Amino acid sequence: MQIARPLFRLTLALSLFSLIQSASAAPLPADHPCSALVKKYLTSVVQQDWKTASVLLLPSSLDRKQKETVSVIKTAPTMTEEAQMLERFGAKEIRDLEKLTPQEFYMLDRDAWHKRINAAADVTKRKQETLKIDVLGLVEEKDKGYVHATVRTSQETLTDRIEELFLISFVKEGDKWLIWPEMKDRPIITPLDGKTPAEEKK
């Protein structure tokens, strides 16, 4: 992991550089709305304010995560394993998760994850108090309607300072910029015949 992290950061930097060099991409001013939004999002994540974070994320992405999780639980090899997975969410039946909105599921999922890692309260408090967020740059892909933010964060535990580099992507829905958390992890697939992936499966 120690070797992979510098390589990942180099990849992020090269990705941003290639975007800037692209004819269809252009740097944006520091006061662009996405700059404030990315700070709000990362602050809410560190503060574990999942309600605030959820409304800053693309609903279709949250919906996909919810459906994928439910599908994994439904295909558990045994009823015991299914019950164990449901227990992580504090749920007794699959429908308890299915009836949630994507935002509600996101909040439940994040809360459940942090309870499992059981971080020491004084460490969490220290990280929240020392959080610093520096937006290094914003780049717009005009032809696609995306904005990408490169962000460096700094936090302190009781013994160390932790710095991380993130690439966070935004897409506009209506008059709102929303974070598309999967953009850097999933390929964007567009059928050449103009159909949507959903139409392809029908």
N, C-alpha and C. Protein backbone atom coordinates (compact mmCIF):
# COMPACT_ATOMS: atom_id res chain seq x y z
N MET A 1 0.83 -1.21 0.00
CA MET A 1 0.00 0.00 0.00
C MET A 1 0.86 1.25 0.00
N GLN A 2 2.01 1.20 0.71
CA GLN A 2 2.88 2.36 0.77
C GLN A 2 3.47 2.70 -0.60
N ILE A 3 3.66 1.66 -1.43
CA ILE A 3 4.18 1.89 -2.78
C ILE A 3 3.08 2.38 -3.70
N ALA A 4 1.89 1.84 -3.54
CA ALA A 4 0.78 2.18 -4.43
C ALA A 4 0.31 3.61 -4.25
N ARG A 5 0.37 4.16 -3.01
CA ARG A 5 -0.17 5.49 -2.76
C ARG A 5 0.57 6.58 -3.55
N PRO A 6 1.93 6.62 -3.54
CA PRO A 6 2.61 7.64 -4.36
C PRO A 6 2.31 7.49 -5.84
N LEU A 7 2.19 6.25 -6.31
CA LEU A 7 1.87 6.02 -7.72
C LEU A 7 0.48 6.56 -8.04
N PHE A 8 -0.48 6.36 -7.12
CA PHE A 8 -1.84 6.86 -7.32
C PHE A 8 -1.83 8.38 -7.39
N ARG A 9 -1.05 9.02 -6.52
CA ARG A 9 -0.99 10.48 -6.51
C ARG A 9 -0.36 11.01 -7.80
N LEU A 10 0.68 10.30 -8.28
CA LEU A 10 1.29 10.71 -9.54
C LEU A 10 0.29 10.59 -10.67
N THR A 11 -0.51 9.53 -10.65
CA THR A 11 -1.53 9.34 -11.68
C THR A 11 -2.54 10.48 -11.67
N LEU A 12 -2.95 10.90 -10.46
CA LEU A 12 -3.88 12.02 -10.34
C LEU A 12 -3.28 13.28 -10.95
N ALA A 13 -2.03 13.54 -10.62
CA ALA A 13 -1.39 14.75 -11.12
C ALA A 13 -1.27 14.72 -12.64
N LEU A 14 -0.89 13.58 -13.18
CA LEU A 14 -0.77 13.45 -14.63
C LEU A 14 -2.13 13.58 -15.31
N SER A 15 -3.16 13.04 -14.66
CA SER A 15 -4.51 13.13 -15.22
C SER A 15 -4.96 14.58 -15.32
N LEU A 16 -4.71 15.35 -14.25
CA LEU A 16 -5.08 16.76 -14.26
C LEU A 16 -4.29 17.52 -15.30
N PHE A 17 -2.99 17.22 -15.40
CA PHE A 17 -2.15 17.89 -16.38
C PHE A 17 -2.64 17.63 -17.80
N SER A 18 -3.03 16.39 -18.07
CA SER A 18 -3.51 16.05 -19.41
C SER A 18 -4.82 16.75 -19.71
N LEU A 19 -5.66 16.94 -18.70
CA LEU A 19 -6.91 17.67 -18.88
C LEU A 19 -6.63 19.12 -19.25
N ILE A 20 -5.68 19.73 -18.53
CA ILE A 20 -5.36 21.13 -18.79
C ILE A 20 -4.83 21.32 -20.21
N GLN A 21 -4.06 20.32 -20.69
CA GLN A 21 -3.49 20.41 -22.03
C GLN A 21 -4.51 20.17 -23.13
N SER A 22 -5.65 19.57 -22.75
CA SER A 22 -6.66 19.24 -23.75
C SER A 22 -7.33 20.50 -24.28
N ALA A 23 -7.64 20.47 -25.57
CA ALA A 23 -8.30 21.62 -26.19
C ALA A 23 -9.71 21.81 -25.66
N SER A 24 -10.32 20.74 -25.15
CA SER A 24 -11.70 20.83 -24.67
C SER A 24 -11.78 21.13 -23.17
N ALA A 25 -10.63 21.30 -22.52
CA ALA A 25 -10.62 21.56 -21.08
C ALA A 25 -9.96 22.91 -20.80
N ALA A 26 -10.42 23.54 -19.73
CA ALA A 26 -9.88 24.85 -19.39
C ALA A 26 -9.87 25.03 -17.88
N PRO A 27 -8.81 25.68 -17.35
CA PRO A 27 -8.78 25.95 -15.91
C PRO A 27 -9.87 26.94 -15.53
N LEU A 28 -10.38 26.81 -14.32
CA LEU A 28 -11.43 27.68 -13.83
C LEU A 28 -10.91 28.56 -12.69
N PRO A 29 -11.55 29.70 -12.46
CA PRO A 29 -11.11 30.58 -11.37
C PRO A 29 -11.36 29.95 -10.00
N ALA A 30 -10.61 30.40 -9.01
CA ALA A 30 -10.68 29.84 -7.66
C ALA A 30 -12.04 30.06 -7.01
N ASP A 31 -12.78 31.07 -7.48
CA ASP A 31 -14.09 31.35 -6.87
C ASP A 31 -15.24 30.63 -7.57
N HIS A 32 -14.93 29.67 -8.44
CA HIS A 32 -15.98 28.87 -9.07
C HIS A 32 -16.77 28.13 -7.98
N PRO A 33 -18.09 27.96 -8.14
CA PRO A 33 -18.92 27.31 -7.10
C PRO A 33 -18.40 25.94 -6.65
N CYS A 34 -17.78 25.18 -7.55
CA CYS A 34 -17.30 23.85 -7.18
C CYS A 34 -16.20 23.89 -6.13
N SER A 35 -15.48 25.00 -6.06
CA SER A 35 -14.42 25.13 -5.06
C SER A 35 -15.02 25.11 -3.65
N ALA A 36 -16.07 25.89 -3.45
CA ALA A 36 -16.73 25.92 -2.14
C ALA A 36 -17.44 24.59 -1.86
N LEU A 37 -18.02 23.99 -2.90
CA LEU A 37 -18.74 22.74 -2.71
C LEU A 37 -17.83 21.60 -2.30
N VAL A 38 -16.66 21.53 -2.90
CA VAL A 38 -15.75 20.44 -2.56
C VAL A 38 -15.24 20.59 -1.13
N LYS A 39 -15.05 21.82 -0.68
CA LYS A 39 -14.66 22.04 0.71
C LYS A 39 -15.79 21.65 1.66
N LYS A 40 -17.01 22.00 1.28
CA LYS A 40 -18.17 21.65 2.10
C LYS A 40 -18.32 20.14 2.20
N TYR A 41 -18.13 19.46 1.08
CA TYR A 41 -18.26 18.00 1.06
C TYR A 41 -17.21 17.33 1.94
N LEU A 42 -15.94 17.69 1.76
CA LEU A 42 -14.87 17.05 2.52
C LEU A 42 -14.99 17.37 4.01
N THR A 43 -15.42 18.58 4.33
CA THR A 43 -15.63 18.93 5.73
C THR A 43 -16.74 18.08 6.34
N SER A 44 -17.83 17.91 5.61
CA SER A 44 -18.94 17.11 6.12
C SER A 44 -18.54 15.65 6.30
N VAL A 45 -17.69 15.14 5.41
CA VAL A 45 -17.22 13.75 5.54
C VAL A 45 -16.38 13.59 6.81
N VAL A 46 -15.46 14.51 7.03
CA VAL A 46 -14.61 14.43 8.22
C VAL A 46 -15.43 14.62 9.50
N GLN A 47 -16.44 15.49 9.42
CA GLN A 47 -17.32 15.71 10.57
C GLN A 47 -18.36 14.59 10.72
N GLN A 48 -18.36 13.67 9.77
CA GLN A 48 -19.33 12.57 9.73
C GLN A 48 -20.77 13.10 9.69
N ASP A 49 -20.92 14.20 8.97
CA ASP A 49 -22.24 14.79 8.73
C ASP A 49 -22.75 14.22 7.41
N TRP A 50 -23.27 13.01 7.49
CA TRP A 50 -23.63 12.29 6.27
C TRP A 50 -24.85 12.88 5.57
N LYS A 51 -25.72 13.55 6.30
CA LYS A 51 -26.88 14.18 5.68
C LYS A 51 -26.45 15.29 4.73
N THR A 52 -25.52 16.13 5.18
CA THR A 52 -25.02 17.20 4.32
C THR A 52 -24.27 16.62 3.12
N ALA A 53 -23.43 15.62 3.37
CA ALA A 53 -22.66 15.01 2.29
C ALA A 53 -23.57 14.39 1.24
N SER A 54 -24.66 13.76 1.69
CA SER A 54 -25.53 13.03 0.77
C SER A 54 -26.17 13.92 -0.29
N VAL A 55 -26.51 15.15 0.07
CA VAL A 55 -27.18 16.03 -0.90
C VAL A 55 -26.19 16.67 -1.86
N LEU A 56 -24.90 16.46 -1.64
CA LEU A 56 -23.88 16.98 -2.54
C LEU A 56 -23.45 15.94 -3.56
N LEU A 57 -23.97 14.73 -3.44
CA LEU A 57 -23.59 13.63 -4.31
C LEU A 57 -24.66 13.34 -5.36
N LEU A 58 -24.23 12.87 -6.52
CA LEU A 58 -25.14 12.57 -7.63
C LEU A 58 -26.10 11.46 -7.22
N PRO A 59 -27.42 11.71 -7.22
CA PRO A 59 -28.40 10.70 -6.77
C PRO A 59 -28.30 9.38 -7.51
N SER A 60 -28.05 9.42 -8.81
CA SER A 60 -27.97 8.17 -9.58
C SER A 60 -26.80 7.31 -9.12
N SER A 61 -25.73 7.95 -8.66
CA SER A 61 -24.58 7.20 -8.15
C SER A 61 -24.93 6.54 -6.82
N LEU A 62 -25.63 7.27 -5.95
CA LEU A 62 -26.05 6.70 -4.68
C LEU A 62 -27.05 5.56 -4.89
N ASP A 63 -27.94 5.73 -5.86
CA ASP A 63 -28.92 4.70 -6.17
C ASP A 63 -28.24 3.42 -6.66
N ARG A 64 -27.21 3.59 -7.50
CA ARG A 64 -26.48 2.43 -8.01
C ARG A 64 -25.78 1.68 -6.88
N LYS A 65 -25.17 2.43 -5.96
CA LYS A 65 -24.48 1.81 -4.82
C LYS A 65 -25.47 1.04 -3.95
N GLN A 66 -26.65 1.61 -3.73
CA GLN A 66 -27.67 0.95 -2.92
C GLN A 66 -28.10 -0.36 -3.58
N LYS A 67 -28.39 -0.33 -4.87
CA LYS A 67 -28.85 -1.52 -5.58
C LYS A 67 -27.77 -2.59 -5.63
N GLU A 68 -26.52 -2.19 -5.80
CA GLU A 68 -25.43 -3.15 -5.84
C GLU A 68 -25.26 -3.84 -4.49
N THR A 69 -25.37 -3.06 -3.41
CA THR A 69 -25.25 -3.63 -2.07
C THR A 69 -26.37 -4.60 -1.78
N VAL A 70 -27.59 -4.21 -2.12
CA VAL A 70 -28.75 -5.10 -1.91
C VAL A 70 -28.58 -6.39 -2.72
N SER A 71 -28.08 -6.27 -3.94
CA SER A 71 -27.87 -7.44 -4.78
C SER A 71 -26.85 -8.40 -4.18
N VAL A 72 -25.77 -7.84 -3.62
CA VAL A 72 -24.74 -8.67 -2.97
C VAL A 72 -25.34 -9.42 -1.79
N ILE A 73 -26.14 -8.73 -0.99
CA ILE A 73 -26.75 -9.38 0.18
C ILE A 73 -27.72 -10.47 -0.26
N LYS A 74 -28.50 -10.20 -1.30
CA LYS A 74 -29.48 -11.19 -1.78
C LYS A 74 -28.81 -12.46 -2.30
N THR A 75 -27.60 -12.33 -2.80
CA THR A 75 -26.90 -13.49 -3.36
C THR A 75 -25.93 -14.12 -2.36
N ALA A 76 -26.08 -13.80 -1.10
CA ALA A 76 -25.24 -14.42 -0.06
C ALA A 76 -25.43 -15.93 -0.11
N PRO A 77 -24.34 -16.70 0.04
CA PRO A 77 -24.44 -18.16 -0.08
C PRO A 77 -25.36 -18.80 0.94
N THR A 78 -25.46 -18.24 2.14
CA THR A 78 -26.30 -18.83 3.17
C THR A 78 -27.14 -17.75 3.85
N MET A 79 -28.18 -18.17 4.52
CA MET A 79 -29.04 -17.24 5.25
C MET A 79 -28.26 -16.61 6.42
N THR A 80 -27.33 -17.37 6.99
CA THR A 80 -26.52 -16.84 8.09
C THR A 80 -25.67 -15.68 7.61
N GLU A 81 -25.04 -15.84 6.43
CA GLU A 81 -24.21 -14.77 5.89
C GLU A 81 -25.06 -13.56 5.51
N GLU A 82 -26.25 -13.82 4.99
CA GLU A 82 -27.16 -12.72 4.65
C GLU A 82 -27.52 -11.93 5.91
N ALA A 83 -27.83 -12.66 6.98
CA ALA A 83 -28.19 -12.01 8.25
C ALA A 83 -27.02 -11.19 8.80
N GLN A 84 -25.80 -11.73 8.64
CA GLN A 84 -24.62 -11.02 9.12
C GLN A 84 -24.40 -9.72 8.36
N MET A 85 -24.62 -9.75 7.04
CA MET A 85 -24.46 -8.54 6.24
C MET A 85 -25.53 -7.51 6.58
N LEU A 86 -26.75 -7.99 6.79
CA LEU A 86 -27.84 -7.07 7.17
C LEU A 86 -27.57 -6.44 8.54
N GLU A 87 -26.99 -7.24 9.42
CA GLU A 87 -26.71 -6.76 10.78
C GLU A 87 -25.76 -5.57 10.77
N ARG A 88 -24.86 -5.54 9.79
CA ARG A 88 -23.92 -4.41 9.69
C ARG A 88 -24.66 -3.09 9.50
N PHE A 89 -25.83 -3.18 8.89
CA PHE A 89 -26.63 -1.98 8.66
C PHE A 89 -27.72 -1.80 9.72
N GLY A 90 -27.75 -2.69 10.69
CA GLY A 90 -28.79 -2.62 11.70
C GLY A 90 -30.15 -3.00 11.13
N ALA A 91 -30.15 -3.82 10.08
CA ALA A 91 -31.40 -4.23 9.42
C ALA A 91 -31.66 -5.71 9.65
N LYS A 92 -32.93 -6.08 9.65
CA LYS A 92 -33.31 -7.47 9.83
C LYS A 92 -33.69 -8.14 8.52
N GLU A 93 -34.21 -7.34 7.58
CA GLU A 93 -34.65 -7.91 6.30
C GLU A 93 -34.17 -7.02 5.15
N ILE A 94 -34.08 -7.62 3.97
CA ILE A 94 -33.64 -6.91 2.78
C ILE A 94 -34.51 -5.69 2.51
N ARG A 95 -35.81 -5.85 2.70
CA ARG A 95 -36.71 -4.74 2.39
C ARG A 95 -36.47 -3.51 3.26
N ASP A 96 -35.82 -3.71 4.43
CA ASP A 96 -35.48 -2.56 5.27
C ASP A 96 -34.50 -1.64 4.55
N LEU A 97 -33.65 -2.23 3.72
CA LEU A 97 -32.69 -1.44 2.94
C LEU A 97 -33.31 -0.95 1.63
N GLU A 98 -34.15 -1.78 1.03
CA GLU A 98 -34.75 -1.42 -0.25
C GLU A 98 -35.70 -0.23 -0.14
N LYS A 99 -36.33 -0.07 1.00
CA LYS A 99 -37.32 1.01 1.15
C LYS A 99 -36.68 2.37 1.41
N LEU A 100 -35.38 2.38 1.67
CA LEU A 100 -34.68 3.64 1.93
C LEU A 100 -34.47 4.42 0.64
N THR A 101 -34.44 5.74 0.73
CA THR A 101 -34.03 6.54 -0.42
C THR A 101 -32.52 6.36 -0.60
N PRO A 102 -31.98 6.65 -1.78
CA PRO A 102 -30.52 6.53 -1.96
C PRO A 102 -29.74 7.36 -0.94
N GLN A 103 -30.25 8.56 -0.61
CA GLN A 103 -29.57 9.40 0.37
C GLN A 103 -29.61 8.76 1.76
N GLU A 104 -30.75 8.19 2.13
CA GLU A 104 -30.87 7.53 3.43
C GLU A 104 -29.95 6.32 3.51
N PHE A 105 -29.86 5.57 2.41
CA PHE A 105 -28.98 4.41 2.40
C PHE A 105 -27.53 4.85 2.54
N TYR A 106 -27.15 5.92 1.86
CA TYR A 106 -25.78 6.43 1.96
C TYR A 106 -25.45 6.78 3.41
N MET A 107 -26.37 7.48 4.07
CA MET A 107 -26.14 7.87 5.47
C MET A 107 -25.99 6.64 6.37
N LEU A 108 -26.85 5.65 6.15
CA LEU A 108 -26.79 4.42 6.94
C LEU A 108 -25.49 3.67 6.68
N ASP A 109 -25.11 3.58 5.41
CA ASP A 109 -23.89 2.87 5.02
C ASP A 109 -22.65 3.52 5.63
N ARG A 110 -22.55 4.84 5.54
CA ARG A 110 -21.38 5.54 6.09
C ARG A 110 -21.33 5.43 7.61
N ASP A 111 -22.47 5.56 8.24
CA ASP A 111 -22.53 5.46 9.69
C ASP A 111 -22.14 4.06 10.15
N ALA A 112 -22.63 3.05 9.43
CA ALA A 112 -22.31 1.67 9.77
C ALA A 112 -20.82 1.39 9.60
N TRP A 113 -20.24 1.94 8.54
CA TRP A 113 -18.81 1.71 8.28
C TRP A 113 -17.96 2.31 9.39
N HIS A 114 -18.28 3.52 9.81
CA HIS A 114 -17.49 4.17 10.87
C HIS A 114 -17.67 3.50 12.22
N LYS A 115 -18.83 2.92 12.45
CA LYS A 115 -19.02 2.17 13.69
C LYS A 115 -18.17 0.92 13.70
N ARG A 116 -18.01 0.31 12.51
CA ARG A 116 -17.19 -0.91 12.43
C ARG A 116 -15.71 -0.63 12.67
N ILE A 117 -15.22 0.49 12.15
CA ILE A 117 -13.80 0.78 12.35
C ILE A 117 -13.52 1.25 13.77
N ASN A 118 -14.55 1.78 14.44
CA ASN A 118 -14.47 2.10 15.86
C ASN A 118 -13.24 2.95 16.20
N ALA A 119 -13.07 4.04 15.49
CA ALA A 119 -11.94 4.93 15.74
C ALA A 119 -12.07 5.58 17.11
N ALA A 120 -10.95 5.81 17.76
CA ALA A 120 -10.95 6.44 19.08
C ALA A 120 -11.53 7.84 18.98
N ALA A 121 -12.39 8.18 19.92
CA ALA A 121 -13.09 9.47 19.88
C ALA A 121 -12.13 10.65 19.91
N ASP A 122 -11.04 10.55 20.67
CA ASP A 122 -10.10 11.68 20.76
C ASP A 122 -9.33 11.87 19.46
N VAL A 123 -9.08 10.76 18.75
CA VAL A 123 -8.40 10.85 17.45
C VAL A 123 -9.33 11.49 16.42
N THR A 124 -10.59 11.05 16.40
CA THR A 124 -11.57 11.62 15.48
C THR A 124 -11.73 13.12 15.72
N LYS A 125 -11.83 13.51 16.99
CA LYS A 125 -11.99 14.91 17.35
C LYS A 125 -10.78 15.73 16.89
N ARG A 126 -9.60 15.19 17.08
CA ARG A 126 -8.38 15.89 16.67
C ARG A 126 -8.33 16.07 15.15
N LYS A 127 -8.71 15.05 14.40
CA LYS A 127 -8.73 15.12 12.95
C LYS A 127 -9.73 16.17 12.47
N GLN A 128 -10.86 16.24 13.13
CA GLN A 128 -11.88 17.22 12.76
C GLN A 128 -11.40 18.64 13.04
N GLU A 129 -10.72 18.83 14.17
CA GLU A 129 -10.26 20.16 14.57
C GLU A 129 -9.12 20.68 13.70
N THR A 130 -8.31 19.78 13.15
CA THR A 130 -7.12 20.19 12.41
C THR A 130 -7.27 20.10 10.90
N LEU A 131 -8.46 19.76 10.42
CA LEU A 131 -8.66 19.60 8.99
C LEU A 131 -8.34 20.89 8.22
N LYS A 132 -7.54 20.75 7.18
CA LYS A 132 -7.26 21.85 6.26
C LYS A 132 -7.51 21.35 4.84
N ILE A 133 -8.17 22.15 4.05
CA ILE A 133 -8.51 21.78 2.67
C ILE A 133 -7.98 22.83 1.73
N ASP A 134 -7.16 22.41 0.78
CA ASP A 134 -6.57 23.33 -0.20
C ASP A 134 -6.96 22.87 -1.60
N VAL A 135 -7.79 23.66 -2.27
CA VAL A 135 -8.16 23.34 -3.65
C VAL A 135 -7.03 23.80 -4.55
N LEU A 136 -6.30 22.85 -5.11
CA LEU A 136 -5.11 23.17 -5.91
C LEU A 136 -5.48 23.66 -7.30
N GLY A 137 -6.62 23.23 -7.80
CA GLY A 137 -7.02 23.67 -9.14
C GLY A 137 -8.34 23.07 -9.56
N LEU A 138 -9.02 23.77 -10.47
CA LEU A 138 -10.27 23.31 -11.05
C LEU A 138 -10.14 23.33 -12.57
N VAL A 139 -10.59 22.27 -13.19
CA VAL A 139 -10.54 22.17 -14.64
C VAL A 139 -11.93 21.78 -15.16
N GLU A 140 -12.38 22.45 -16.21
CA GLU A 140 -13.68 22.15 -16.81
C GLU A 140 -13.51 21.45 -18.15
N GLU A 141 -14.21 20.33 -18.32
CA GLU A 141 -14.33 19.69 -19.63
C GLU A 141 -15.60 20.24 -20.26
N LYS A 142 -15.46 21.28 -21.04
CA LYS A 142 -16.63 22.01 -21.54
C LYS A 142 -17.55 21.15 -22.39
N ASP A 143 -16.97 20.31 -23.23
CA ASP A 143 -17.81 19.52 -24.13
C ASP A 143 -18.60 18.44 -23.40
N LYS A 144 -18.18 18.07 -22.20
CA LYS A 144 -18.87 17.03 -21.44
C LYS A 144 -19.66 17.58 -20.26
N GLY A 145 -19.37 18.81 -19.88
CA GLY A 145 -20.08 19.41 -18.76
C GLY A 145 -19.55 18.96 -17.41
N TYR A 146 -18.28 18.55 -17.35
CA TYR A 146 -17.68 18.10 -16.10
C TYR A 146 -16.73 19.16 -15.56
N VAL A 147 -16.62 19.20 -14.24
CA VAL A 147 -15.58 19.99 -13.58
C VAL A 147 -14.82 19.05 -12.66
N HIS A 148 -13.49 19.10 -12.71
CA HIS A 148 -12.66 18.24 -11.88
C HIS A 148 -11.84 19.11 -10.93
N ALA A 149 -11.86 18.76 -9.65
CA ALA A 149 -11.12 19.50 -8.63
C ALA A 149 -9.99 18.64 -8.08
N THR A 150 -8.79 19.20 -8.04
CA THR A 150 -7.67 18.54 -7.37
C THR A 150 -7.51 19.20 -6.01
N VAL A 151 -7.56 18.39 -4.97
CA VAL A 151 -7.62 18.91 -3.61
C VAL A 151 -6.60 18.20 -2.72
N ARG A 152 -5.91 18.99 -1.90
CA ARG A 152 -5.04 18.40 -0.89
C ARG A 152 -5.63 18.67 0.49
N THR A 153 -5.69 17.63 1.30
CA THR A 153 -6.17 17.78 2.66
C THR A 153 -5.06 17.46 3.65
N SER A 154 -5.19 18.05 4.83
CA SER A 154 -4.24 17.78 5.91
C SER A 154 -5.03 17.63 7.21
N GLN A 155 -4.70 16.59 7.96
CA GLN A 155 -5.32 16.35 9.27
C GLN A 155 -4.25 15.84 10.21
N GLU A 156 -4.50 15.99 11.51
CA GLU A 156 -3.59 15.47 12.50
C GLU A 156 -4.29 14.47 13.41
N THR A 157 -3.58 13.39 13.71
CA THR A 157 -4.02 12.49 14.76
C THR A 157 -3.28 12.93 16.03
N LEU A 158 -3.25 12.11 17.04
CA LEU A 158 -2.51 12.46 18.25
C LEU A 158 -1.01 12.33 18.06
N THR A 159 -0.61 11.65 16.98
CA THR A 159 0.82 11.38 16.77
C THR A 159 1.35 11.77 15.39
N ASP A 160 0.48 11.99 14.42
CA ASP A 160 0.94 12.20 13.05
C ASP A 160 0.10 13.25 12.32
N ARG A 161 0.70 13.80 11.25
CA ARG A 161 -0.04 14.62 10.30
C ARG A 161 -0.28 13.77 9.05
N ILE A 162 -1.50 13.76 8.57
CA ILE A 162 -1.87 12.96 7.40
C ILE A 162 -2.26 13.89 6.27
N GLU A 163 -1.58 13.79 5.13
CA GLU A 163 -1.91 14.59 3.96
C GLU A 163 -2.37 13.65 2.84
N GLU A 164 -3.43 14.05 2.16
CA GLU A 164 -3.96 13.24 1.06
C GLU A 164 -4.28 14.13 -0.14
N LEU A 165 -4.21 13.52 -1.31
CA LEU A 165 -4.52 14.21 -2.56
C LEU A 165 -5.72 13.54 -3.21
N PHE A 166 -6.70 14.34 -3.58
CA PHE A 166 -7.94 13.81 -4.15
C PHE A 166 -8.23 14.45 -5.51
N LEU A 167 -8.86 13.66 -6.38
CA LEU A 167 -9.44 14.17 -7.61
C LEU A 167 -10.94 13.96 -7.50
N ILE A 168 -11.70 15.04 -7.44
CA ILE A 168 -13.14 14.97 -7.24
C ILE A 168 -13.85 15.61 -8.43
N SER A 169 -14.79 14.88 -9.01
CA SER A 169 -15.45 15.33 -10.24
C SER A 169 -16.88 15.76 -9.99
N PHE A 170 -17.29 16.80 -10.71
CA PHE A 170 -18.64 17.34 -10.61
C PHE A 170 -19.34 17.25 -11.95
N VAL A 171 -20.66 17.10 -11.89
CA VAL A 171 -21.50 17.18 -13.08
C VAL A 171 -22.70 18.05 -12.70
N LYS A 172 -23.22 18.80 -13.67
CA LYS A 172 -24.32 19.70 -13.37
C LYS A 172 -25.65 19.04 -13.69
N GLU A 173 -26.55 19.09 -12.71
CA GLU A 173 -27.92 18.62 -12.91
C GLU A 173 -28.85 19.79 -12.62
N GLY A 174 -29.54 20.26 -13.65
CA GLY A 174 -30.35 21.47 -13.48
C GLY A 174 -29.43 22.65 -13.21
N ASP A 175 -29.64 23.32 -12.10
CA ASP A 175 -28.78 24.45 -11.75
C ASP A 175 -27.81 24.11 -10.63
N LYS A 176 -27.65 22.81 -10.33
CA LYS A 176 -26.80 22.39 -9.22
C LYS A 176 -25.60 21.59 -9.70
N TRP A 177 -24.43 21.89 -9.12
CA TRP A 177 -23.25 21.06 -9.33
C TRP A 177 -23.27 19.95 -8.28
N LEU A 178 -23.12 18.69 -8.72
CA LEU A 178 -23.12 17.56 -7.82
C LEU A 178 -21.86 16.71 -8.03
N ILE A 179 -21.39 16.12 -6.97
CA ILE A 179 -20.20 15.27 -7.05
C ILE A 179 -20.57 13.90 -7.61
N TRP A 180 -19.77 13.46 -8.58
CA TRP A 180 -19.94 12.13 -9.16
C TRP A 180 -18.82 11.25 -8.60
N PRO A 181 -19.05 10.58 -7.47
CA PRO A 181 -17.96 9.88 -6.79
C PRO A 181 -17.33 8.74 -7.56
N GLU A 182 -18.05 8.17 -8.50
CA GLU A 182 -17.54 7.00 -9.23
C GLU A 182 -16.72 7.36 -10.47
N MET A 183 -16.68 8.62 -10.85
CA MET A 183 -16.10 8.95 -12.15
C MET A 183 -14.65 8.49 -12.28
N LYS A 184 -13.88 8.59 -11.22
CA LYS A 184 -12.48 8.19 -11.31
C LYS A 184 -12.28 6.69 -11.14
N ASP A 185 -13.34 5.98 -10.73
CA ASP A 185 -13.22 4.54 -10.47
C ASP A 185 -13.91 3.66 -11.50
N ARG A 186 -14.87 4.23 -12.23
CA ARG A 186 -15.63 3.45 -13.21
C ARG A 186 -15.49 4.07 -14.59
N PRO A 187 -15.43 3.22 -15.62
CA PRO A 187 -15.46 3.77 -16.97
C PRO A 187 -16.84 4.33 -17.29
N ILE A 188 -16.87 5.37 -18.11
CA ILE A 188 -18.15 5.92 -18.58
C ILE A 188 -18.45 5.25 -19.92
N ILE A 189 -19.51 4.47 -19.95
CA ILE A 189 -19.83 3.68 -21.15
C ILE A 189 -21.01 4.30 -21.88
N THR A 190 -20.78 4.67 -23.14
CA THR A 190 -21.83 5.24 -23.98
C THR A 190 -21.97 4.39 -25.23
N PRO A 191 -23.09 3.67 -25.39
CA PRO A 191 -23.29 2.84 -26.58
C PRO A 191 -23.18 3.67 -27.86
N LEU A 192 -22.53 3.14 -28.87
CA LEU A 192 -22.30 3.88 -30.11
C LEU A 192 -23.57 4.06 -30.92
N ASP A 193 -24.59 3.24 -30.66
CA ASP A 193 -25.83 3.38 -31.43
C ASP A 193 -26.78 4.40 -30.82
N GLY A 194 -26.32 5.06 -29.75
CA GLY A 194 -27.14 6.12 -29.16
C GLY A 194 -28.08 5.66 -28.07
N LYS A 195 -28.21 4.35 -27.88
CA LYS A 195 -29.07 3.83 -26.83
C LYS A 195 -28.39 3.97 -25.48
N THR A 196 -29.18 4.01 -24.43
CA THR A 196 -28.61 4.00 -23.09
C THR A 196 -28.33 2.56 -22.70
N PRO A 197 -27.42 2.33 -21.73
CA PRO A 197 -27.17 0.94 -21.30
C PRO A 197 -28.45 0.23 -20.87
N ALA A 198 -29.38 0.96 -20.24
CA ALA A 198 -30.64 0.35 -19.80
C ALA A 198 -31.45 -0.14 -20.98
N GLU A 199 -31.45 0.66 -22.06
CA GLU A 199 -32.21 0.27 -23.26
C GLU A 199 -31.58 -0.95 -23.92
N GLU A 200 -30.27 -1.07 -23.79
CA GLU A 200 -29.59 -2.22 -24.39
C GLU A 200 -30.06 -3.53 -23.78
N LYS A 201 -30.40 -3.49 -22.47
CA LYS A 201 -30.74 -4.73 -21.76
C LYS A 201 -32.18 -5.16 -22.00
N LYS A 202 -33.00 -4.26 -22.54
CA LYS A 202 -34.41 -4.58 -22.73
C LYS A 202 -34.61 -5.54 -23.90
